PDB file of all heavy atoms in Angstrom:
ATOM      1  N   ALA A   1    -117.619 -32.098 -93.408  1.00  0.00           N
ATOM      2  CA  ALA A   1    -118.843 -32.638 -93.994  1.00  0.00           C
ATOM      3  C   ALA A   1    -119.999 -32.627 -93.007  1.00  0.00           C
ATOM      4  O   ALA A   1    -121.160 -32.505 -93.405  1.00  0.00           O
ATOM      5  CB  ALA A   1    -118.613 -34.067 -94.486  1.00  0.00           C
ATOM      6  N   ILE A   2    -119.687 -32.734 -91.712  1.00  0.00           N
ATOM      7  CA  ILE A   2    -120.777 -32.882 -90.747  1.00  0.00           C
ATOM      8  C   ILE A   2    -120.890 -31.739 -89.747  1.00  0.00           C
ATOM      9  O   ILE A   2    -121.915 -31.602 -89.089  1.00  0.00           O
ATOM     10  CB  ILE A   2    -120.641 -34.211 -89.972  1.00  0.00           C
ATOM     11  CG1 ILE A   2    -119.372 -34.200 -89.103  1.00  0.00           C
ATOM     12  CG2 ILE A   2    -120.648 -35.391 -90.918  1.00  0.00           C
ATOM     13  CD1 ILE A   2    -119.272 -35.395 -88.178  1.00  0.00           C
ATOM     14  N   HIS A   3    -119.846 -30.911 -89.638  1.00  0.00           N
ATOM     15  CA  HIS A   3    -119.881 -29.806 -88.676  1.00  0.00           C
ATOM     16  C   HIS A   3    -120.240 -28.507 -89.399  1.00  0.00           C
ATOM     17  O   HIS A   3    -119.490 -28.037 -90.260  1.00  0.00           O
ATOM     18  CB  HIS A   3    -118.539 -29.660 -87.968  1.00  0.00           C
ATOM     19  CG  HIS A   3    -118.260 -30.754 -86.984  1.00  0.00           C
ATOM     20  ND1 HIS A   3    -118.629 -30.686 -85.668  1.00  0.00           N
ATOM     21  CD2 HIS A   3    -117.664 -31.959 -87.153  1.00  0.00           C
ATOM     22  CE1 HIS A   3    -118.265 -31.806 -85.048  1.00  0.00           C
ATOM     23  NE2 HIS A   3    -117.678 -32.592 -85.927  1.00  0.00           N
ATOM     24  N   ARG A   4    -121.353 -27.940 -89.034  1.00  0.00           N
ATOM     25  CA  ARG A   4    -121.833 -26.739 -89.702  1.00  0.00           C
ATOM     26  C   ARG A   4    -120.960 -25.525 -89.395  1.00  0.00           C
ATOM     27  O   ARG A   4    -120.782 -24.655 -90.234  1.00  0.00           O
ATOM     28  CB  ARG A   4    -123.272 -26.467 -89.278  1.00  0.00           C
ATOM     29  CG  ARG A   4    -123.947 -25.329 -90.030  1.00  0.00           C
ATOM     30  CD  ARG A   4    -125.404 -25.214 -89.601  1.00  0.00           C
ATOM     31  NE  ARG A   4    -126.146 -26.434 -89.876  1.00  0.00           N
ATOM     32  CZ  ARG A   4    -127.390 -26.648 -89.451  1.00  0.00           C
ATOM     33  NH1 ARG A   4    -128.020 -25.739 -88.722  1.00  0.00           N
ATOM     34  NH2 ARG A   4    -128.017 -27.777 -89.746  1.00  0.00           N
ATOM     35  N   HIS A   5    -120.404 -25.477 -88.189  1.00  0.00           N
ATOM     36  CA  HIS A   5    -119.634 -24.306 -87.775  1.00  0.00           C
ATOM     37  C   HIS A   5    -118.200 -24.709 -87.406  1.00  0.00           C
ATOM     38  O   HIS A   5    -117.709 -24.383 -86.327  1.00  0.00           O
ATOM     39  CB  HIS A   5    -120.314 -23.618 -86.584  1.00  0.00           C
ATOM     40  CG  HIS A   5    -121.733 -23.220 -86.859  1.00  0.00           C
ATOM     41  ND1 HIS A   5    -122.075 -22.270 -87.806  1.00  0.00           N
ATOM     42  CD2 HIS A   5    -122.906 -23.657 -86.321  1.00  0.00           C
ATOM     43  CE1 HIS A   5    -123.384 -22.129 -87.830  1.00  0.00           C
ATOM     44  NE2 HIS A   5    -123.916 -22.954 -86.946  1.00  0.00           N
ATOM     45  N   LEU A   6    -117.538 -25.404 -88.288  1.00  0.00           N
ATOM     46  CA  LEU A   6    -116.165 -25.825 -88.040  1.00  0.00           C
ATOM     47  C   LEU A   6    -115.242 -24.610 -88.002  1.00  0.00           C
ATOM     48  O   LEU A   6    -115.351 -23.711 -88.840  1.00  0.00           O
ATOM     49  CB  LEU A   6    -115.714 -26.792 -89.144  1.00  0.00           C
ATOM     50  CG  LEU A   6    -114.431 -27.582 -88.889  1.00  0.00           C
ATOM     51  CD1 LEU A   6    -114.598 -28.524 -87.699  1.00  0.00           C
ATOM     52  CD2 LEU A   6    -114.069 -28.388 -90.141  1.00  0.00           C
ATOM     53  N   ALA A   7    -114.334 -24.599 -87.028  1.00  0.00           N
ATOM     54  CA  ALA A   7    -113.494 -23.414 -86.811  1.00  0.00           C
ATOM     55  C   ALA A   7    -112.349 -23.285 -87.810  1.00  0.00           C
ATOM     56  O   ALA A   7    -111.662 -22.258 -87.842  1.00  0.00           O
ATOM     57  CB  ALA A   7    -112.934 -23.437 -85.389  1.00  0.00           C
ATOM     58  N   PHE A   8    -112.137 -24.294 -88.628  1.00  0.00           N
ATOM     59  CA  PHE A   8    -111.059 -24.231 -89.612  1.00  0.00           C
ATOM     60  C   PHE A   8    -111.509 -24.910 -90.900  1.00  0.00           C
ATOM     61  O   PHE A   8    -112.460 -25.693 -90.911  1.00  0.00           O
ATOM     62  CB  PHE A   8    -109.792 -24.921 -89.074  1.00  0.00           C
ATOM     63  CG  PHE A   8    -109.950 -26.419 -88.893  1.00  0.00           C
ATOM     64  CD1 PHE A   8    -109.556 -27.306 -89.881  1.00  0.00           C
ATOM     65  CD2 PHE A   8    -110.511 -26.931 -87.725  1.00  0.00           C
ATOM     66  CE1 PHE A   8    -109.718 -28.681 -89.713  1.00  0.00           C
ATOM     67  CE2 PHE A   8    -110.688 -28.298 -87.549  1.00  0.00           C
ATOM     68  CZ  PHE A   8    -110.281 -29.176 -88.549  1.00  0.00           C
ATOM     69  N   ASP A   9    -110.823 -24.593 -91.975  1.00  0.00           N
ATOM     70  CA  ASP A   9    -111.089 -25.193 -93.273  1.00  0.00           C
ATOM     71  C   ASP A   9    -109.850 -25.981 -93.681  1.00  0.00           C
ATOM     72  O   ASP A   9    -108.817 -25.390 -94.003  1.00  0.00           O
ATOM     73  CB  ASP A   9    -111.382 -24.103 -94.313  1.00  0.00           C
ATOM     74  CG  ASP A   9    -111.765 -24.680 -95.674  1.00  0.00           C
ATOM     75  OD1 ASP A   9    -111.467 -25.860 -95.932  1.00  0.00           O
ATOM     76  OD2 ASP A   9    -112.350 -23.935 -96.480  1.00  0.00           O
ATOM     77  N   PRO A  10    -109.914 -27.320 -93.640  1.00  0.00           N
ATOM     78  CA  PRO A  10    -108.725 -28.108 -93.957  1.00  0.00           C
ATOM     79  C   PRO A  10    -108.205 -27.900 -95.375  1.00  0.00           C
ATOM     80  O   PRO A  10    -107.020 -28.125 -95.646  1.00  0.00           O
ATOM     81  CB  PRO A  10    -109.189 -29.552 -93.741  1.00  0.00           C
ATOM     82  CG  PRO A  10    -110.669 -29.501 -93.856  1.00  0.00           C
ATOM     83  CD  PRO A  10    -111.069 -28.165 -93.321  1.00  0.00           C
ATOM     84  N   GLN A  11    -109.062 -27.449 -96.266  1.00  0.00           N
ATOM     85  CA  GLN A  11    -108.630 -27.224 -97.645  1.00  0.00           C
ATOM     86  C   GLN A  11    -107.905 -25.896 -97.830  1.00  0.00           C
ATOM     87  O   GLN A  11    -107.213 -25.704 -98.816  1.00  0.00           O
ATOM     88  CB  GLN A  11    -109.840 -27.300 -98.581  1.00  0.00           C
ATOM     89  CG  GLN A  11    -110.489 -28.683 -98.643  1.00  0.00           C
ATOM     90  CD  GLN A  11    -111.787 -28.676 -99.400  1.00  0.00           C
ATOM     91  OE1 GLN A  11    -112.839 -28.338 -98.852  1.00  0.00           O
ATOM     92  NE2 GLN A  11    -111.744 -29.057-100.666  1.00  0.00           N
ATOM     93  N   LYS A  12    -108.057 -24.980 -96.856  1.00  0.00           N
ATOM     94  CA  LYS A  12    -107.435 -23.667 -96.975  1.00  0.00           C
ATOM     95  C   LYS A  12    -106.430 -23.365 -95.862  1.00  0.00           C
ATOM     96  O   LYS A  12    -105.451 -22.658 -96.093  1.00  0.00           O
ATOM     97  CB  LYS A  12    -108.511 -22.574 -96.970  1.00  0.00           C
ATOM     98  CG  LYS A  12    -109.476 -22.633 -98.142  1.00  0.00           C
ATOM     99  CD  LYS A  12    -110.541 -21.535 -98.031  1.00  0.00           C
ATOM    100  CE  LYS A  12    -111.517 -21.584 -99.193  1.00  0.00           C
ATOM    101  NZ  LYS A  12    -112.573 -20.530 -99.069  1.00  0.00           N
ATOM    102  N   ASP A  13    -106.681 -23.901 -94.674  1.00  0.00           N
ATOM    103  CA  ASP A  13    -105.907 -23.499 -93.500  1.00  0.00           C
ATOM    104  C   ASP A  13    -104.793 -24.459 -93.126  1.00  0.00           C
ATOM    105  O   ASP A  13    -104.085 -24.234 -92.137  1.00  0.00           O
ATOM    106  CB  ASP A  13    -106.845 -23.339 -92.292  1.00  0.00           C
ATOM    107  CG  ASP A  13    -107.925 -22.289 -92.526  1.00  0.00           C
ATOM    108  OD1 ASP A  13    -107.638 -21.321 -93.260  1.00  0.00           O
ATOM    109  OD2 ASP A  13    -109.037 -22.442 -91.995  1.00  0.00           O
ATOM    110  N   LEU A  14    -104.632 -25.540 -93.890  1.00  0.00           N
ATOM    111  CA  LEU A  14    -103.585 -26.514 -93.603  1.00  0.00           C
ATOM    112  C   LEU A  14    -102.803 -26.824 -94.871  1.00  0.00           C
ATOM    113  O   LEU A  14    -103.318 -26.703 -95.982  1.00  0.00           O
ATOM    114  CB  LEU A  14    -104.196 -27.805 -93.052  1.00  0.00           C
ATOM    115  CG  LEU A  14    -104.867 -27.702 -91.679  1.00  0.00           C
ATOM    116  CD1 LEU A  14    -105.716 -28.938 -91.409  1.00  0.00           C
ATOM    117  CD2 LEU A  14    -103.832 -27.521 -90.585  1.00  0.00           C
ATOM    118  N   THR A  15    -101.550 -27.197 -94.688  1.00  0.00           N
ATOM    119  CA  THR A  15    -100.687 -27.557 -95.813  1.00  0.00           C
ATOM    120  C   THR A  15    -100.405 -29.049 -95.768  1.00  0.00           C
ATOM    121  O   THR A  15     -99.686 -29.518 -94.876  1.00  0.00           O
ATOM    122  CB  THR A  15     -99.354 -26.790 -95.753  1.00  0.00           C
ATOM    123  OG1 THR A  15     -99.607 -25.381 -95.791  1.00  0.00           O
ATOM    124  CG2 THR A  15     -98.454 -27.169 -96.917  1.00  0.00           C
ATOM    125  N   PRO A  16    -100.961 -29.838 -96.682  1.00  0.00           N
ATOM    126  CA  PRO A  16    -100.706 -31.279 -96.692  1.00  0.00           C
ATOM    127  C   PRO A  16     -99.244 -31.590 -97.011  1.00  0.00           C
ATOM    128  O   PRO A  16     -98.626 -30.916 -97.849  1.00  0.00           O
ATOM    129  CB  PRO A  16    -101.620 -31.793 -97.804  1.00  0.00           C
ATOM    130  CG  PRO A  16    -102.631 -30.708 -98.024  1.00  0.00           C
ATOM    131  CD  PRO A  16    -101.916 -29.438 -97.732  1.00  0.00           C
ATOM    132  N   VAL A  17     -98.697 -32.595 -96.354  1.00  0.00           N
ATOM    133  CA  VAL A  17     -97.319 -33.022 -96.607  1.00  0.00           C
ATOM    134  C   VAL A  17     -97.312 -34.400 -97.271  1.00  0.00           C
ATOM    135  O   VAL A  17     -96.787 -34.572 -98.360  1.00  0.00           O
ATOM    136  CB  VAL A  17     -96.498 -33.067 -95.302  1.00  0.00           C
ATOM    137  CG1 VAL A  17     -95.065 -33.523 -95.592  1.00  0.00           C
ATOM    138  CG2 VAL A  17     -96.481 -31.703 -94.630  1.00  0.00           C
ATOM    139  N   SER A  18     -97.906 -35.381 -96.613  1.00  0.00           N
ATOM    140  CA  SER A  18     -98.007 -36.732 -97.178  1.00  0.00           C
ATOM    141  C   SER A  18     -98.962 -37.561 -96.349  1.00  0.00           C
ATOM    142  O   SER A  18     -99.120 -37.340 -95.144  1.00  0.00           O
ATOM    143  CB  SER A  18     -96.638 -37.427 -97.181  1.00  0.00           C
ATOM    144  OG  SER A  18     -96.752 -38.793 -97.589  1.00  0.00           O
ATOM    145  N   LEU A  19     -99.605 -38.506 -96.987  1.00  0.00           N
ATOM    146  CA  LEU A  19    -100.264 -39.550 -96.218  1.00  0.00           C
ATOM    147  C   LEU A  19     -99.174 -40.333 -95.490  1.00  0.00           C
ATOM    148  O   LEU A  19     -98.013 -40.341 -95.917  1.00  0.00           O
ATOM    149  CB  LEU A  19    -101.045 -40.489 -97.134  1.00  0.00           C
ATOM    150  CG  LEU A  19    -102.398 -39.991 -97.654  1.00  0.00           C
ATOM    151  CD1 LEU A  19    -102.995 -41.022 -98.602  1.00  0.00           C
ATOM    152  CD2 LEU A  19    -103.360 -39.712 -96.518  1.00  0.00           C
ATOM    153  N   ALA A  20     -99.554 -41.004 -94.412  1.00  0.00           N
ATOM    154  CA  ALA A  20     -98.557 -41.735 -93.636  1.00  0.00           C
ATOM    155  C   ALA A  20     -98.968 -43.174 -93.364  1.00  0.00           C
ATOM    156  O   ALA A  20     -98.110 -44.041 -93.209  1.00  0.00           O
ATOM    157  CB  ALA A  20     -98.302 -41.016 -92.308  1.00  0.00           C
ATOM    158  N   ALA A  21    -100.259 -43.429 -93.298  1.00  0.00           N
ATOM    159  CA  ALA A  21    -100.707 -44.783 -92.983  1.00  0.00           C
ATOM    160  C   ALA A  21    -102.147 -44.980 -93.392  1.00  0.00           C
ATOM    161  O   ALA A  21    -102.913 -44.026 -93.541  1.00  0.00           O
ATOM    162  CB  ALA A  21    -100.562 -45.060 -91.481  1.00  0.00           C
ATOM    163  N   ASN A  22    -102.472 -46.236 -93.565  1.00  0.00           N
ATOM    164  CA  ASN A  22    -103.824 -46.639 -93.876  1.00  0.00           C
ATOM    165  C   ASN A  22    -104.222 -47.727 -92.883  1.00  0.00           C
ATOM    166  O   ASN A  22    -103.436 -48.634 -92.605  1.00  0.00           O
ATOM    167  CB  ASN A  22    -103.902 -47.194 -95.302  1.00  0.00           C
ATOM    168  CG  ASN A  22    -105.314 -47.558 -95.707  1.00  0.00           C
ATOM    169  OD1 ASN A  22    -106.161 -46.696 -95.834  1.00  0.00           O
ATOM    170  ND2 ASN A  22    -105.556 -48.846 -95.903  1.00  0.00           N
ATOM    171  N   GLN A  23    -105.406 -47.614 -92.327  1.00  0.00           N
ATOM    172  CA  GLN A  23    -105.894 -48.635 -91.409  1.00  0.00           C
ATOM    173  C   GLN A  23    -107.143 -49.284 -91.994  1.00  0.00           C
ATOM    174  O   GLN A  23    -108.214 -48.676 -92.019  1.00  0.00           O
ATOM    175  CB  GLN A  23    -106.222 -48.054 -90.030  1.00  0.00           C
ATOM    176  CG  GLN A  23    -106.670 -49.117 -89.035  1.00  0.00           C
ATOM    177  CD  GLN A  23    -107.073 -48.548 -87.683  1.00  0.00           C
ATOM    178  OE1 GLN A  23    -107.516 -47.417 -87.595  1.00  0.00           O
ATOM    179  NE2 GLN A  23    -106.913 -49.335 -86.640  1.00  0.00           N
ATOM    180  N   PRO A  24    -107.021 -50.507 -92.472  1.00  0.00           N
ATOM    181  CA  PRO A  24    -108.205 -51.181 -92.992  1.00  0.00           C
ATOM    182  C   PRO A  24    -109.232 -51.392 -91.886  1.00  0.00           C
ATOM    183  O   PRO A  24    -108.884 -51.722 -90.751  1.00  0.00           O
ATOM    184  CB  PRO A  24    -107.645 -52.521 -93.482  1.00  0.00           C
ATOM    185  CG  PRO A  24    -106.176 -52.304 -93.638  1.00  0.00           C
ATOM    186  CD  PRO A  24    -105.806 -51.315 -92.588  1.00  0.00           C
ATOM    187  N   PHE A  25    -110.474 -51.180 -92.217  1.00  0.00           N
ATOM    188  CA  PHE A  25    -111.567 -51.487 -91.305  1.00  0.00           C
ATOM    189  C   PHE A  25    -112.195 -52.798 -91.760  1.00  0.00           C
ATOM    190  O   PHE A  25    -112.044 -53.218 -92.913  1.00  0.00           O
ATOM    191  CB  PHE A  25    -112.607 -50.362 -91.315  1.00  0.00           C
ATOM    192  CG  PHE A  25    -112.418 -49.372 -90.206  1.00  0.00           C
ATOM    193  CD1 PHE A  25    -111.164 -48.876 -89.897  1.00  0.00           C
ATOM    194  CD2 PHE A  25    -113.499 -48.915 -89.471  1.00  0.00           C
ATOM    195  CE1 PHE A  25    -110.980 -47.963 -88.870  1.00  0.00           C
ATOM    196  CE2 PHE A  25    -113.337 -47.995 -88.439  1.00  0.00           C
ATOM    197  CZ  PHE A  25    -112.081 -47.520 -88.133  1.00  0.00           C
ATOM    198  N   VAL A  26    -112.908 -53.425 -90.852  1.00  0.00           N
ATOM    199  CA  VAL A  26    -113.603 -54.662 -91.186  1.00  0.00           C
ATOM    200  C   VAL A  26    -115.055 -54.550 -90.759  1.00  0.00           C
ATOM    201  O   VAL A  26    -115.401 -53.767 -89.871  1.00  0.00           O
ATOM    202  CB  VAL A  26    -112.970 -55.898 -90.502  1.00  0.00           C
ATOM    203  CG1 VAL A  26    -111.541 -56.086 -90.934  1.00  0.00           C
ATOM    204  CG2 VAL A  26    -113.071 -55.792 -88.979  1.00  0.00           C
ATOM    205  N   VAL A  27    -115.895 -55.348 -91.408  1.00  0.00           N
ATOM    206  CA  VAL A  27    -117.288 -55.499 -90.980  1.00  0.00           C
ATOM    207  C   VAL A  27    -117.316 -56.710 -90.067  1.00  0.00           C
ATOM    208  O   VAL A  27    -117.097 -57.839 -90.507  1.00  0.00           O
ATOM    209  CB  VAL A  27    -118.223 -55.712 -92.175  1.00  0.00           C
ATOM    210  CG1 VAL A  27    -119.669 -55.858 -91.692  1.00  0.00           C
ATOM    211  CG2 VAL A  27    -118.109 -54.554 -93.156  1.00  0.00           C
ATOM    212  N   ALA A  28    -117.564 -56.453 -88.784  1.00  0.00           N
ATOM    213  CA  ALA A  28    -117.603 -57.528 -87.796  1.00  0.00           C
ATOM    214  C   ALA A  28    -119.032 -57.701 -87.291  1.00  0.00           C
ATOM    215  O   ALA A  28    -119.806 -56.743 -87.233  1.00  0.00           O
ATOM    216  CB  ALA A  28    -116.671 -57.217 -86.632  1.00  0.00           C
ATOM    217  N   ALA A  29    -119.355 -58.918 -86.919  1.00  0.00           N
ATOM    218  CA  ALA A  29    -120.687 -59.217 -86.383  1.00  0.00           C
ATOM    219  C   ALA A  29    -120.555 -60.069 -85.134  1.00  0.00           C
ATOM    220  O   ALA A  29    -119.559 -60.771 -84.938  1.00  0.00           O
ATOM    221  CB  ALA A  29    -121.535 -59.926 -87.435  1.00  0.00           C
ATOM    222  N   GLY A  30    -121.566 -59.999 -84.291  1.00  0.00           N
ATOM    223  CA  GLY A  30    -121.576 -60.794 -83.075  1.00  0.00           C
ATOM    224  C   GLY A  30    -121.795 -62.263 -83.370  1.00  0.00           C
ATOM    225  O   GLY A  30    -122.313 -62.646 -84.424  1.00  0.00           O
ATOM    226  N   ALA A  31    -121.424 -63.088 -82.405  1.00  0.00           N
ATOM    227  CA  ALA A  31    -121.517 -64.536 -82.591  1.00  0.00           C
ATOM    228  C   ALA A  31    -122.946 -64.999 -82.834  1.00  0.00           C
ATOM    229  O   ALA A  31    -123.180 -66.005 -83.516  1.00  0.00           O
ATOM    230  CB  ALA A  31    -120.934 -65.248 -81.368  1.00  0.00           C
ATOM    231  N   GLY A  32    -123.923 -64.259 -82.295  1.00  0.00           N
ATOM    232  CA  GLY A  32    -125.309 -64.685 -82.426  1.00  0.00           C
ATOM    233  C   GLY A  32    -126.001 -64.274 -83.706  1.00  0.00           C
ATOM    234  O   GLY A  32    -127.175 -64.618 -83.921  1.00  0.00           O
ATOM    235  N   VAL A  33    -125.322 -63.542 -84.565  1.00  0.00           N
ATOM    236  CA  VAL A  33    -125.941 -63.105 -85.823  1.00  0.00           C
ATOM    237  C   VAL A  33    -126.061 -64.294 -86.771  1.00  0.00           C
ATOM    238  O   VAL A  33    -125.058 -64.952 -87.074  1.00  0.00           O
ATOM    239  CB  VAL A  33    -125.105 -61.985 -86.487  1.00  0.00           C
ATOM    240  CG1 VAL A  33    -125.680 -61.628 -87.855  1.00  0.00           C
ATOM    241  CG2 VAL A  33    -125.075 -60.758 -85.590  1.00  0.00           C
ATOM    242  N   PRO A  34    -127.263 -64.599 -87.252  1.00  0.00           N
ATOM    243  CA  PRO A  34    -127.461 -65.765 -88.130  1.00  0.00           C
ATOM    244  C   PRO A  34    -127.023 -65.503 -89.571  1.00  0.00           C
ATOM    245  O   PRO A  34    -127.834 -65.507 -90.511  1.00  0.00           O
ATOM    246  CB  PRO A  34    -128.962 -66.017 -88.033  1.00  0.00           C
ATOM    247  CG  PRO A  34    -129.544 -64.672 -87.778  1.00  0.00           C
ATOM    248  CD  PRO A  34    -128.542 -63.950 -86.917  1.00  0.00           C
ATOM    249  N   ALA A  35    -125.749 -65.241 -89.735  1.00  0.00           N
ATOM    250  CA  ALA A  35    -125.169 -65.018 -91.068  1.00  0.00           C
ATOM    251  C   ALA A  35    -123.742 -65.522 -91.043  1.00  0.00           C
ATOM    252  O   ALA A  35    -123.047 -65.412 -90.022  1.00  0.00           O
ATOM    253  CB  ALA A  35    -125.209 -63.537 -91.426  1.00  0.00           C
ATOM    254  N   ALA A  36    -123.302 -66.083 -92.153  1.00  0.00           N
ATOM    255  CA  ALA A  36    -121.948 -66.636 -92.235  1.00  0.00           C
ATOM    256  C   ALA A  36    -121.078 -65.905 -93.231  1.00  0.00           C
ATOM    257  O   ALA A  36    -119.927 -66.276 -93.443  1.00  0.00           O
ATOM    258  CB  ALA A  36    -122.028 -68.124 -92.602  1.00  0.00           C
ATOM    259  N   SER A  37    -121.622 -64.850 -93.850  1.00  0.00           N
ATOM    260  CA  SER A  37    -120.856 -64.103 -94.848  1.00  0.00           C
ATOM    261  C   SER A  37    -121.439 -62.704 -94.974  1.00  0.00           C
ATOM    262  O   SER A  37    -122.516 -62.406 -94.458  1.00  0.00           O
ATOM    263  CB  SER A  37    -120.918 -64.806 -96.210  1.00  0.00           C
ATOM    264  OG  SER A  37    -122.246 -64.769 -96.728  1.00  0.00           O
ATOM    265  N   MET A  38    -120.722 -61.847 -95.702  1.00  0.00           N
ATOM    266  CA  MET A  38    -121.199 -60.490 -95.934  1.00  0.00           C
ATOM    267  C   MET A  38    -122.500 -60.510 -96.718  1.00  0.00           C
ATOM    268  O   MET A  38    -123.436 -59.757 -96.411  1.00  0.00           O
ATOM    269  CB  MET A  38    -120.129 -59.706 -96.706  1.00  0.00           C
ATOM    270  CG  MET A  38    -120.405 -58.218 -96.821  1.00  0.00           C
ATOM    271  SD  MET A  38    -120.199 -57.367 -95.255  1.00  0.00           S
ATOM    272  CE  MET A  38    -121.472 -56.128 -95.374  1.00  0.00           C
ATOM    273  N   GLN A  39    -122.581 -61.395 -97.709  1.00  0.00           N
ATOM    274  CA  GLN A  39    -123.800 -61.476 -98.507  1.00  0.00           C
ATOM    275  C   GLN A  39    -125.004 -61.862 -97.646  1.00  0.00           C
ATOM    276  O   GLN A  39    -126.103 -61.308 -97.795  1.00  0.00           O
ATOM    277  CB  GLN A  39    -123.627 -62.513 -99.633  1.00  0.00           C
ATOM    278  CG  GLN A  39    -122.580 -62.126-100.672  1.00  0.00           C
ATOM    279  CD  GLN A  39    -121.232 -62.771-100.391  1.00  0.00           C
ATOM    280  OE1 GLN A  39    -120.844 -62.914 -99.224  1.00  0.00           O
ATOM    281  NE2 GLN A  39    -120.525 -63.149-101.440  1.00  0.00           N
ATOM    282  N   GLU A  40    -124.793 -62.801 -96.734  1.00  0.00           N
ATOM    283  CA  GLU A  40    -125.889 -63.232 -95.869  1.00  0.00           C
ATOM    284  C   GLU A  40    -126.279 -62.133 -94.884  1.00  0.00           C
ATOM    285  O   GLU A  40    -127.465 -61.977 -94.560  1.00  0.00           O
ATOM    286  CB  GLU A  40    -125.502 -64.512 -95.128  1.00  0.00           C
ATOM    287  CG  GLU A  40    -125.395 -65.731 -96.029  1.00  0.00           C
ATOM    288  CD  GLU A  40    -125.117 -67.005 -95.253  1.00  0.00           C
ATOM    289  OE1 GLU A  40    -125.171 -66.973 -94.008  1.00  0.00           O
ATOM    290  OE2 GLU A  40    -124.854 -68.040 -95.898  1.00  0.00           O
ATOM    291  N   LEU A  41    -125.302 -61.363 -94.411  1.00  0.00           N
ATOM    292  CA  LEU A  41    -125.612 -60.249 -93.514  1.00  0.00           C
ATOM    293  C   LEU A  41    -126.458 -59.207 -94.236  1.00  0.00           C
ATOM    294  O   LEU A  41    -127.440 -58.695 -93.683  1.00  0.00           O
ATOM    295  CB  LEU A  41    -124.317 -59.608 -93.010  1.00  0.00           C
ATOM    296  CG  LEU A  41    -124.503 -58.365 -92.114  1.00  0.00           C
ATOM    297  CD1 LEU A  41    -125.160 -58.756 -90.795  1.00  0.00           C
ATOM    298  CD2 LEU A  41    -123.153 -57.680 -91.865  1.00  0.00           C
ATOM    299  N   ILE A  42    -126.088 -58.895 -95.474  1.00  0.00           N
ATOM    300  CA  ILE A  42    -126.848 -57.920 -96.261  1.00  0.00           C
ATOM    301  C   ILE A  42    -128.277 -58.416 -96.480  1.00  0.00           C
ATOM    302  O   ILE A  42    -129.246 -57.662 -96.316  1.00  0.00           O
ATOM    303  CB  ILE A  42    -126.151 -57.662 -97.612  1.00  0.00           C
ATOM    304  CG1 ILE A  42    -124.816 -56.941 -97.389  1.00  0.00           C
ATOM    305  CG2 ILE A  42    -127.049 -56.830 -98.534  1.00  0.00           C
ATOM    306  CD1 ILE A  42    -123.964 -56.813 -98.645  1.00  0.00           C
ATOM    307  N   SER A  43    -128.424 -59.691 -96.826  1.00  0.00           N
ATOM    308  CA  SER A  43    -129.763 -60.254 -97.059  1.00  0.00           C
ATOM    309  C   SER A  43    -130.596 -60.214 -95.791  1.00  0.00           C
ATOM    310  O   SER A  43    -131.797 -59.889 -95.834  1.00  0.00           O
ATOM    311  CB  SER A  43    -129.631 -61.701 -97.553  1.00  0.00           C
ATOM    312  OG  SER A  43    -128.964 -61.752 -98.804  1.00  0.00           O
TER     313      SER A  43
END
């Protein structure tokens, strides 16, 4: 999606076998941010 001259095409040059794991990400903020929730951070 972001590399204009990627040396391989994952949709053509690789054979998928299975997903193996999922790593949830979180939205974290520093202690000094004046927000107590995701809604407040967005606002």
